[in-house]
Protein backbone atom coordinates (compact mmCIF):
# COMPACT_ATOMS: atom_id res chain seq x y z
CA UNK A 1 110.00 115.41 113.76
CA UNK A 2 107.63 113.68 116.16
CA UNK A 3 106.73 110.00 116.03
CA UNK A 4 103.25 111.05 114.92
CA UNK A 5 104.68 112.88 111.90
CA UNK A 6 106.83 109.88 111.06
CA UNK A 7 103.73 107.71 111.12
CA UNK A 8 101.96 110.08 108.76
CA UNK A 9 104.71 109.60 106.21
CA UNK A 10 104.72 105.82 106.56
CA UNK A 11 101.08 105.07 105.80
CA UNK A 12 97.50 105.50 106.91
CA UNK A 13 97.56 105.64 110.70
CA UNK A 14 94.91 104.52 113.14
CA UNK A 15 95.25 107.28 115.72
CA UNK A 16 94.04 110.29 113.75
CA UNK A 17 90.92 112.38 114.29
CA UNK A 18 89.53 110.89 111.07
CA UNK A 19 89.86 107.37 112.45
CA UNK A 20 88.16 108.48 115.68
CA UNK A 21 85.28 109.98 113.69
CA UNK A 22 84.98 106.76 111.69
CA UNK A 23 84.75 104.70 114.88
CA UNK A 24 82.17 107.06 116.37
CA UNK A 25 80.07 106.73 113.23
CA UNK A 26 79.62 102.95 113.54
CA UNK A 27 75.94 102.47 114.38
CA UNK A 28 75.68 98.68 114.46
CA UNK A 29 75.64 97.40 118.06
CA UNK A 30 77.02 93.96 117.17
CA UNK A 31 79.96 95.56 115.37
CA UNK A 32 80.69 97.97 118.22
CA UNK A 33 80.63 95.13 120.73
CA UNK A 34 82.99 93.02 118.62
CA UNK A 35 85.42 95.91 118.14
CA UNK A 36 85.44 96.54 121.88
CA UNK A 37 86.20 92.87 122.53
CA UNK A 38 89.00 93.01 119.96
CA UNK A 39 90.48 96.11 121.59
CA UNK A 40 90.37 94.45 125.01
CA UNK A 41 91.91 91.15 123.94
CA UNK A 42 94.66 92.08 121.50
CA UNK A 43 97.90 93.98 122.01
CA UNK A 44 97.62 97.41 120.41
CA UNK A 45 100.16 98.29 117.73
CA UNK A 46 100.77 100.97 115.12
CA UNK A 47 98.94 100.60 111.80
CA UNK A 48 96.73 97.74 113.06
CA UNK A 49 94.65 98.99 115.98
CA UNK A 50 92.00 100.14 116.52
CA UNK A 51 90.41 98.10 113.74
CA UNK A 52 88.20 99.68 111.08
CA UNK A 53 85.37 97.18 111.05
CA UNK A 54 84.51 93.51 111.55
CA UNK A 55 84.50 91.26 108.49
CA UNK A 56 81.87 88.54 108.55
CA UNK A 57 82.14 87.05 105.06
CA UNK A 58 83.78 87.55 101.68
CA UNK A 59 83.28 86.64 98.05
CA UNK A 60 85.02 87.59 94.81
CA UNK A 61 86.32 91.16 95.07
CA UNK A 62 84.20 91.94 98.15
CA UNK A 63 84.46 91.63 101.91
CA UNK A 64 81.28 92.12 103.95
CA UNK A 65 80.91 93.38 107.51
CA UNK A 66 78.59 92.09 110.21
CA UNK A 67 75.92 94.63 109.29
CA UNK A 68 75.89 93.49 105.66
CA UNK A 69 77.87 96.36 104.14
CA UNK A 70 80.19 95.34 101.31
CA UNK A 71 83.63 96.77 100.61
CA UNK A 72 85.30 96.24 97.26
CA UNK A 73 88.81 95.30 98.40
CA UNK A 74 91.66 97.17 96.71
CA UNK A 75 94.00 96.36 99.61
CA UNK A 76 93.64 92.78 100.85
CA UNK A 77 97.24 92.67 102.10
CA UNK A 78 97.89 91.25 98.63
CA UNK A 79 96.72 87.77 99.61
CA UNK A 80 93.47 88.27 97.70
CA UNK A 81 94.98 87.92 94.21
CA UNK A 82 92.46 85.34 93.02
CA UNK A 83 89.49 86.68 94.90
CA UNK A 84 87.77 85.70 98.10
CA UNK A 85 85.92 82.41 98.49
CA UNK A 86 87.39 81.05 95.28
CA UNK A 87 85.48 77.76 95.06
CA UNK A 88 87.97 76.17 92.66
CA UNK A 89 90.79 76.60 95.17
CA UNK A 90 88.63 75.85 98.21
CA UNK A 91 87.56 72.49 96.82
CA UNK A 92 91.18 71.51 96.20
CA UNK A 93 92.16 72.50 99.74
CA UNK A 94 89.16 70.66 101.24
CA UNK A 95 90.20 67.52 99.39
CA UNK A 96 93.73 67.85 100.76
CA UNK A 97 92.32 68.41 104.25
CA UNK A 98 90.58 65.05 104.05
CA UNK A 99 93.84 63.32 103.09
CA UNK A 100 96.79 65.00 104.83
CA UNK A 101 96.46 68.25 106.77
CA UNK A 102 99.89 68.34 108.43
CA UNK A 103 103.27 66.84 107.66
CA UNK A 104 105.81 66.56 110.50
CA UNK A 105 109.39 67.62 109.96
CA UNK A 106 111.80 64.92 108.73
CA UNK A 107 109.02 63.77 106.36
CA UNK A 108 107.92 65.19 103.06
CA UNK A 109 104.65 65.02 101.12
CA UNK A 110 103.56 65.02 97.49
CA UNK A 111 101.89 68.48 97.40
CA UNK A 112 105.07 70.10 98.75
CA UNK A 113 107.26 68.29 96.22
CA UNK A 114 104.95 69.19 93.36
CA UNK A 115 104.86 72.85 94.40
CA UNK A 116 108.65 73.05 94.59
CA UNK A 117 108.90 71.57 91.10
CA UNK A 118 106.20 73.95 89.83
CA UNK A 119 108.02 77.01 91.16
CA UNK A 120 111.27 75.92 89.54
CA UNK A 121 109.55 75.39 86.20
CA UNK A 122 107.93 78.83 86.40
CA UNK A 123 111.42 80.38 86.55
CA UNK A 124 112.36 78.41 83.40
CA UNK A 125 114.72 76.40 85.60
CA UNK A 126 116.94 79.43 86.23
CA UNK A 127 116.21 79.08 89.96
CA UNK A 128 116.39 75.44 90.95
CA UNK A 129 116.26 75.10 94.74
CA UNK A 130 113.30 75.84 97.03
CA UNK A 131 112.53 76.22 100.73
CA UNK A 132 109.09 76.91 102.14
CA UNK A 133 108.19 79.00 105.17
CA UNK A 134 104.94 79.81 106.98
CA UNK A 135 105.15 83.50 106.03
CA UNK A 136 107.08 86.09 104.04
CA UNK A 137 109.02 87.44 107.01
CA UNK A 138 110.37 83.96 107.77
CA UNK A 139 111.30 83.51 104.11
CA UNK A 140 113.30 86.74 104.20
CA UNK A 141 115.15 85.36 107.23
CA UNK A 142 116.04 82.25 105.23
CA UNK A 143 117.36 84.39 102.37
CA UNK A 144 119.59 86.35 104.78
CA UNK A 145 120.97 83.12 106.25
CA UNK A 146 121.76 81.75 102.79
CA UNK A 147 123.53 84.99 101.84
CA UNK A 148 125.68 85.05 104.97
CA UNK A 149 126.64 81.41 104.67
CA UNK A 150 127.37 81.55 100.95
CA UNK A 151 129.29 84.84 100.79
CA UNK A 152 130.87 84.78 104.25
CA UNK A 153 129.96 88.48 104.48
CA UNK A 154 127.80 90.04 107.16
CA UNK A 155 126.38 93.32 105.89
CA UNK A 156 123.04 93.80 104.17
CA UNK A 157 121.87 96.61 101.91
CA UNK A 158 118.21 97.58 101.77
CA UNK A 159 116.29 100.66 100.72
CA UNK A 160 114.99 103.40 102.96
CA UNK A 161 111.18 103.12 103.20
CA UNK A 162 111.31 99.46 102.19
CA UNK A 163 109.41 96.73 104.01
CA UNK A 164 110.43 93.08 104.18
CA UNK A 165 108.54 91.88 107.24
CA UNK A 166 108.13 92.73 110.90
CA UNK A 167 110.61 90.46 112.73
CA UNK A 168 113.78 91.96 114.22
CA UNK A 169 116.02 90.83 111.36
CA UNK A 170 113.60 91.95 108.65
CA UNK A 171 112.94 95.39 110.19
CA UNK A 172 116.72 95.86 110.37
CA UNK A 173 116.94 95.06 106.69
CA UNK A 174 113.91 97.21 105.85
CA UNK A 175 113.84 100.97 106.11
CA UNK A 176 110.53 102.04 107.66
CA UNK A 177 110.90 103.97 110.90
CA UNK A 178 107.45 103.04 112.19
CA UNK A 179 108.64 99.44 112.59
CA UNK A 180 111.96 100.38 114.24
CA UNK A 181 111.12 103.16 116.67
CA UNK A 182 111.74 102.52 120.33
CA UNK A 183 113.35 99.10 119.81
CA UNK A 184 117.00 100.08 120.31
CA UNK A 185 119.89 98.54 118.35
CA UNK A 186 118.85 96.41 115.41
CA UNK A 187 120.81 93.81 113.44
CA UNK A 188 124.42 95.01 113.01
CA UNK A 189 125.56 95.69 109.48
CA UNK A 190 122.21 96.88 108.15
CA UNK A 191 123.01 99.51 105.51
CA UNK A 192 120.36 101.57 103.72
CA UNK A 193 120.39 103.59 100.51
CA UNK A 194 117.74 105.86 98.93
CA UNK A 195 115.07 104.28 96.74
CA UNK A 196 114.78 105.40 93.14
CA UNK A 197 112.55 108.43 92.69
CA UNK A 198 109.89 107.44 90.19
CA UNK A 199 107.69 110.53 90.29
CA UNK A 200 107.47 110.90 86.53
CA UNK A 201 105.78 107.58 85.92
CA UNK A 202 108.77 105.44 85.02
CA UNK A 203 108.33 102.22 83.08
CA UNK A 204 110.60 99.33 82.22
CA UNK A 205 112.62 100.97 79.46
CA UNK A 206 115.75 99.90 77.64
CA UNK A 207 117.22 103.36 78.07
CA UNK A 208 117.58 105.47 81.18
CA UNK A 209 115.85 108.69 80.24
CA UNK A 210 114.86 109.30 83.85
CA UNK A 211 118.40 108.96 85.16
CA UNK A 212 117.69 106.11 87.55
CA UNK A 213 121.06 104.48 86.84
CA UNK A 214 122.56 107.22 89.02
CA UNK A 215 120.97 105.40 91.96
CA UNK A 216 122.75 102.24 90.87
CA UNK A 217 126.03 104.17 90.75
CA UNK A 218 125.40 105.23 94.33
CA UNK A 219 124.78 101.60 95.25
CA UNK A 220 128.22 100.69 93.91
CA UNK A 221 129.78 103.56 95.87
CA UNK A 222 128.20 102.30 99.11
CA UNK A 223 129.31 98.71 98.48
CA UNK A 224 132.87 99.91 97.91
CA UNK A 225 132.94 102.10 101.00
CA UNK A 226 131.18 99.70 103.35
CA UNK A 227 132.95 96.49 102.39
CA UNK A 228 131.76 93.09 103.65
CA UNK A 229 128.38 93.48 101.90
CA UNK A 230 126.92 90.06 101.16
CA UNK A 231 123.39 90.76 100.03
CA UNK A 232 121.20 93.41 98.41
CA UNK A 233 117.49 92.94 99.10
CA UNK A 234 114.98 94.89 97.03
CA UNK A 235 111.33 94.77 96.15
CA UNK A 236 111.30 94.33 92.38
CA UNK A 237 108.56 96.95 92.46
CA UNK A 238 107.83 98.72 95.73
CA UNK A 239 104.27 97.54 96.07
CA UNK A 240 102.81 100.35 98.15
CA UNK A 241 104.12 103.35 96.21
CA UNK A 242 104.90 101.43 92.99
CA UNK A 243 108.51 102.32 92.30
CA UNK A 244 109.13 100.99 88.78
CA UNK A 245 112.72 101.05 87.50
CA UNK A 246 114.17 101.04 84.00
CA UNK A 247 115.76 97.96 82.47
CA UNK A 248 119.01 99.91 82.32
CA UNK A 249 118.87 100.33 86.08
CA UNK A 250 118.33 96.62 86.64
CA UNK A 251 121.10 95.66 84.24
CA UNK A 252 123.48 97.94 86.14
CA UNK A 253 122.40 96.54 89.52
CA UNK A 254 122.94 92.98 88.31
CA UNK A 255 126.42 93.90 87.04
CA UNK A 256 127.34 95.52 90.35
CA UNK A 257 126.18 92.54 92.39
CA UNK A 258 128.17 90.16 90.19
CA UNK A 259 131.26 92.38 90.36
CA UNK A 260 131.34 92.54 94.17
CA UNK A 261 130.01 89.05 94.95
CA UNK A 262 126.78 90.43 96.41
CA UNK A 263 123.70 88.24 96.20
CA UNK A 264 120.65 89.93 94.68
CA UNK A 265 117.47 89.00 96.55
CA UNK A 266 114.20 90.15 95.02
CA UNK A 267 111.30 90.40 97.44
CA UNK A 268 108.10 89.69 95.52
CA UNK A 269 106.07 88.68 98.56
CA UNK A 270 103.27 91.16 97.78
CA UNK A 271 103.60 91.44 93.99
CA UNK A 272 104.40 87.96 92.70
CA UNK A 273 101.68 85.60 91.47
CA UNK A 274 100.72 87.68 88.43
CA UNK A 275 99.93 91.13 89.80
CA UNK A 276 102.17 92.85 87.24
CA UNK A 277 100.86 90.85 84.27
CA UNK A 278 103.68 88.32 84.46
CA UNK A 279 103.90 85.52 86.99
CA UNK A 280 106.91 87.17 88.62
CA UNK A 281 107.71 90.88 88.39
CA UNK A 282 111.41 90.28 87.67
CA UNK A 283 110.38 88.91 84.27
CA UNK A 284 109.88 92.54 83.21
CA UNK A 285 113.44 93.55 84.09
CA UNK A 286 115.69 91.57 81.75
CA UNK A 287 117.70 90.15 84.66
CA UNK A 288 117.43 87.24 87.08
CA UNK A 289 117.82 87.34 90.85
CA UNK A 290 119.98 84.99 92.87
CA UNK A 291 117.08 84.49 95.26
CA UNK A 292 113.37 85.11 94.75
CA UNK A 293 111.11 85.43 97.80
CA UNK A 294 107.38 84.81 97.46
CA UNK A 295 104.48 84.88 99.91
CA UNK A 296 101.03 86.38 100.52
CA UNK A 297 99.16 85.41 97.34
CA UNK A 298 101.10 82.14 97.11
CA UNK A 299 98.67 80.68 99.64
CA UNK A 300 95.72 81.91 97.54
CA UNK A 301 94.19 83.80 100.45
CA UNK A 302 93.48 80.53 102.27
CA UNK A 303 96.70 79.28 103.88
CA UNK A 304 99.82 81.20 104.98
CA UNK A 305 102.55 80.11 102.58
CA UNK A 306 105.89 81.58 101.47
CA UNK A 307 108.82 80.35 99.43
CA UNK A 308 112.49 81.04 98.79
CA UNK A 309 113.57 80.04 95.27
CA UNK A 310 117.34 80.07 94.65
CA UNK A 311 120.01 79.50 92.05
CA UNK A 312 121.70 76.12 92.14
CA UNK A 313 125.02 77.63 93.24
CA UNK A 314 123.46 78.51 96.61
CA UNK A 315 122.73 74.88 97.46
CA UNK A 316 125.72 74.73 99.84
CA UNK A 317 124.26 75.11 103.35
CA UNK A 318 123.08 71.58 104.15
CA UNK A 319 125.11 71.64 107.38
CA UNK A 320 122.88 74.31 108.98
CA UNK A 321 119.16 74.72 109.53
CA UNK A 322 118.03 77.49 107.22
CA UNK A 323 114.34 77.20 108.03
CA UNK A 324 113.34 74.25 110.20
CA UNK A 325 109.79 75.56 110.65
CA UNK A 326 107.03 73.38 112.07
CA UNK A 327 104.77 74.12 109.10
CA UNK A 328 107.59 74.28 106.55
CA UNK A 329 106.19 71.74 104.07
CA UNK A 330 102.53 72.41 104.73
CA UNK A 331 100.37 70.10 102.59
CA UNK A 332 97.48 72.56 102.86
CA UNK A 333 99.65 75.53 101.89
CA UNK A 334 101.11 73.62 98.96
CA UNK A 335 97.67 72.48 97.83
CA UNK A 336 96.45 76.09 97.95
CA UNK A 337 99.38 77.30 95.86
CA UNK A 338 99.10 74.50 93.30
CA UNK A 339 95.39 75.17 92.92
CA UNK A 340 96.14 78.88 92.48
CA UNK A 341 98.63 78.19 89.68
CA UNK A 342 96.20 75.83 87.96
CA UNK A 343 93.38 78.36 88.26
CA UNK A 344 95.56 81.09 86.75
CA UNK A 345 96.65 78.90 83.86
CA UNK A 346 93.22 77.51 83.01
CA UNK A 347 91.53 80.93 83.08
CA UNK A 348 94.38 82.96 81.52
CA UNK A 349 94.53 85.25 84.53
CA UNK A 350 97.75 86.87 83.27
CA UNK A 351 96.05 87.83 80.02
CA UNK A 352 93.14 89.28 81.98
CA UNK A 353 95.52 91.27 84.22
CA UNK A 354 97.22 92.80 81.20
CA UNK A 355 93.90 93.70 79.60
CA UNK A 356 92.50 95.23 82.79
CA UNK A 357 95.84 96.92 83.48
CA UNK A 358 95.68 98.86 80.22
CA UNK A 359 92.12 99.95 80.97
CA UNK A 360 93.02 100.87 84.57
CA UNK A 361 95.93 102.97 83.33
CA UNK A 362 93.79 104.85 80.83
CA UNK A 363 91.15 105.66 83.43
CA UNK A 364 93.65 106.75 86.08
CA UNK A 365 95.57 108.98 83.64
CA UNK A 366 92.26 110.55 82.60
CA UNK A 367 91.60 111.36 86.26
CA UNK A 368 95.07 112.89 86.53
CA UNK A 369 94.40 115.12 83.53
CA UNK A 370 91.13 116.20 85.10
CA UNK A 371 92.13 116.83 88.73
CA UNK A 372 95.18 118.81 89.81
CA UNK A 373 95.19 117.14 93.22
CA UNK A 374 96.67 114.03 91.56
CA UNK A 375 100.42 114.47 91.39
CA UNK A 376 101.38 111.28 89.64
CA UNK A 377 100.01 107.92 88.54
CA UNK A 378 102.33 104.91 88.33
CA UNK A 379 101.80 101.25 87.74
CA UNK A 380 101.82 98.08 85.73
CA UNK A 381 99.23 95.31 85.45
CA UNK A 382 96.91 95.64 88.45
CA UNK A 383 99.45 97.35 90.70
CA UNK A 384 98.91 101.12 90.76
CA UNK A 385 99.69 104.15 92.86
CA UNK A 386 98.13 107.62 92.80
CA UNK A 387 99.85 110.49 94.59
CA UNK A 388 97.71 113.14 96.29
CA UNK A 389 99.53 116.49 96.37
CA UNK A 390 99.03 120.14 97.21
CA UNK A 391 101.00 121.22 94.16
CA UNK A 392 102.25 119.15 91.22
CA UNK A 393 105.35 121.24 90.68
CA UNK A 394 106.63 121.13 94.26
CA UNK A 395 105.33 117.59 94.86
CA UNK A 396 104.24 118.62 98.35
CA UNK A 397 102.26 115.77 99.90
CA UNK A 398 98.69 116.39 100.97
CA UNK A 399 98.41 113.86 103.78
CA UNK A 400 95.11 115.23 105.06
CA UNK A 401 93.48 115.00 101.62
CA UNK A 402 94.78 111.46 101.13
CA UNK A 403 93.38 110.35 104.47
CA UNK A 404 90.08 112.06 103.69
CA UNK A 405 90.04 110.20 100.36
CA UNK A 406 90.51 106.88 102.11
CA UNK A 407 87.58 107.40 104.48
CA UNK A 408 85.28 108.72 101.76
CA UNK A 409 86.06 105.64 99.69
CA UNK A 410 85.42 103.39 102.68
CA UNK A 411 82.07 105.07 103.30
CA UNK A 412 81.15 104.35 99.68
CA UNK A 413 82.30 100.75 99.79
CA UNK A 414 85.88 100.82 98.46
CA UNK A 415 88.74 99.74 100.72
CA UNK A 416 92.19 100.98 99.78
CA UNK A 417 95.48 101.80 101.48
CA UNK A 418 97.34 105.09 101.97
CA UNK A 419 101.13 104.72 101.76
CA UNK A 420 103.99 107.16 102.25
CA UNK A 421 101.56 109.67 103.74
CA UNK A 422 99.78 110.64 100.53
CA UNK A 423 99.91 107.81 98.00
CA UNK A 424 96.75 105.82 97.34
CA UNK A 425 97.78 102.20 96.78
CA UNK A 426 95.39 100.48 94.39
CA UNK A 427 95.64 96.72 94.00
CA UNK A 428 92.37 94.91 93.30
CA UNK A 429 91.98 91.14 93.04
CA UNK A 430 93.31 89.91 89.71
CA UNK A 431 89.94 88.44 88.80
CA UNK A 432 88.18 91.82 88.90
CA UNK A 433 85.83 92.48 85.98
CA UNK A 434 85.71 95.65 83.89
CA UNK A 435 82.30 96.45 85.39
CA UNK A 436 83.64 96.11 88.93
CA UNK A 437 86.64 98.25 88.04
CA UNK A 438 84.29 100.94 86.73
CA UNK A 439 82.39 100.91 90.02
CA UNK A 440 85.60 101.36 91.99
CA UNK A 441 86.83 104.15 89.74
CA UNK A 442 83.48 105.89 90.09
CA UNK A 443 83.84 105.83 93.88
CA UNK A 444 87.40 107.10 93.57
CA UNK A 445 86.37 110.01 91.34
CA UNK A 446 83.43 111.04 93.52
CA UNK A 447 85.73 111.05 96.52
CA UNK A 448 88.29 113.15 94.64
CA UNK A 449 85.61 115.71 93.82
CA UNK A 450 84.50 115.89 97.45
CA UNK A 451 88.06 116.29 98.75
CA UNK A 452 88.79 119.07 96.26
CA UNK A 453 85.58 120.79 97.36
CA UNK A 454 86.70 120.52 100.97
CA UNK A 455 90.06 122.07 100.08
CA UNK A 456 88.41 124.98 98.28
CA UNK A 457 86.05 125.61 101.22
CA UNK A 458 88.98 125.64 103.64
CA UNK A 459 90.80 128.44 101.80
């Protein structure tokens, strides 16, 4: 398989003929000039260059380009949970900016202390110790250090196709080839196992009717055979393709980790902060992690902010520097996060997510019943995935149709992501209204109809 084919299975790529046609179709001179300057100044890298467009402003669920075109953002790198230009949060951050914008190491500050206490309380005091980091990748690095120091064991287990950040340690832990290719040996002891197949729309169930506990049995087999495994790192729900496991699976995983002294780290960097209808996705599972990692939406789309929240038993590494980041206790990042939590509480954002999630599910399942090109629909809250396939029975991916869908949606003002080659990842801001959701679903359906027409014409 060529690198190009690997890229097509990892996500929407920026080197296809469709991307070239998109770039050639940009008619605004100011935008073209800015994109050329961007291309000249920045290092080019997979999945990020060339850029789609130039964003000039944003508000609510929309981003707007230099020419005035608006895109409803169903991607947002999951930092847009509470919408763009959220004035409630902005005012709080501006006030903090006037008081204390930066806190040097060796000192602390009140916003950072208050945020640490808030995070602990949100776990019902089951996780009691906190460290902050300037981004999710750095927070994953902290979690790996804690696991090695606490367990004395060197090996990590992650899932194939998982993503935990783009640094050398996190790409070793993760399982996406597009981030590893051409870089030579990665972190020793990085073991990978298959992710659970959730094609049939699995939910958090008490039973295991879909047989996902077999994947947990395989996990135990690998731990036994490998030995020296200190940590299992998983996304509670794989955000891009929305792998949702049964409660029976999670109960078995927790038992296995306890049995073999393996720390369970749940990466909720993209999906924490209410996207699943609960503040943290692990609240759906019936188990608790040893370490919870948060990021992206924690900074409310304003400041980069991430956190590691741990059980008290892991508070044993005071002799080493686990983080030691320049912006570790950022007053602005903490103020952003505190304002985000207050905003969510005062406006019952979780209740709104659950209400919109039910409506979103109904509409997406109706589309699946109507169009055979949709292989599966999976999700919870406002985290959804729609598979685009050639045939439902064989589950053969239709990567060309999925990419065509993405560009048709973009043309009509809906920005979304393609993951795993043919899965449309749909995660709108949590403050989206029913009317806005209807607009987005209308764009999605019109694009489906056009793609199916293209497929029929090509036969």
